[in-house]
């Protein structure tokens, strides 16, 4: 069980809603339930306890029915849900089953709060910034943003500050110079993360996007450019991997918060 779940359990005992014996039984049941074997998947219910966050569902290739089964299992285990690469048809089915779900069509993500909770409760601000080189990089950046909201952070979103107009980035420096982590989504030649890295003292998580003309090779040019960055604080995730970039940024912010 997570710390939050334990706190809720203790609070129920304190208020008399649960007896000590019932709480012990509930705790034992939760500890024993490390996975949920479904017809469509074997869900890792223990990941939240081991890694700090629940399993995230990659929705591409799954049926809408399978997604409903998986999200139901996670919600029954009192875990908040995040699905990535969600199609419109999948979203329609999930939203019908879970009206409280939040679908971001641009990011192709869907979030469902755990039972009796909301995603907009006490989101942490001022810790993470998400930048894009151009507006075409927005879907990848928004996948990172949705991931961070799922993790409890509200990042500052700075759009369209690519190197072709260098003054645009300088104008926005006060918004991201003192954060714990910066996510930068860029296609074409992928130069923006290196420039950002030269302005900040925190990790810069670079996301190459599959944006650009023929020689960009579907994001490979940007990927290679970012991997060859001379800025020592730039780390690189896979092409279009907004989820991975957001998750790493959230972990960096978590670690910094735990040491301050």
Foldseek 3Di string as FASTA:
>chain_A
DDPVVVVVLVVCCVVVVDPPVRSVVVVVVLVVPQWDDDPQDIAGQCCCVVPVAGDAAACPPPDLVVVCVRCVVCLVSQHKYKYFQADPVSVVSNCVVQVQWDADHLLRMIIGHRPPDDLPPQAAEDAEAEEEQAPVQVNLSVVLQVLSSSLRHHHHYYYRCHPVNVVSVVVCLVSPQPHQEYEYEYEDQQPVQLVVLVRHDHAYEYEFELDDDDVSPRRVNNQVNQVPRPRPRYDYDYYSNSNVSSVVSSVSSVVVVVVD
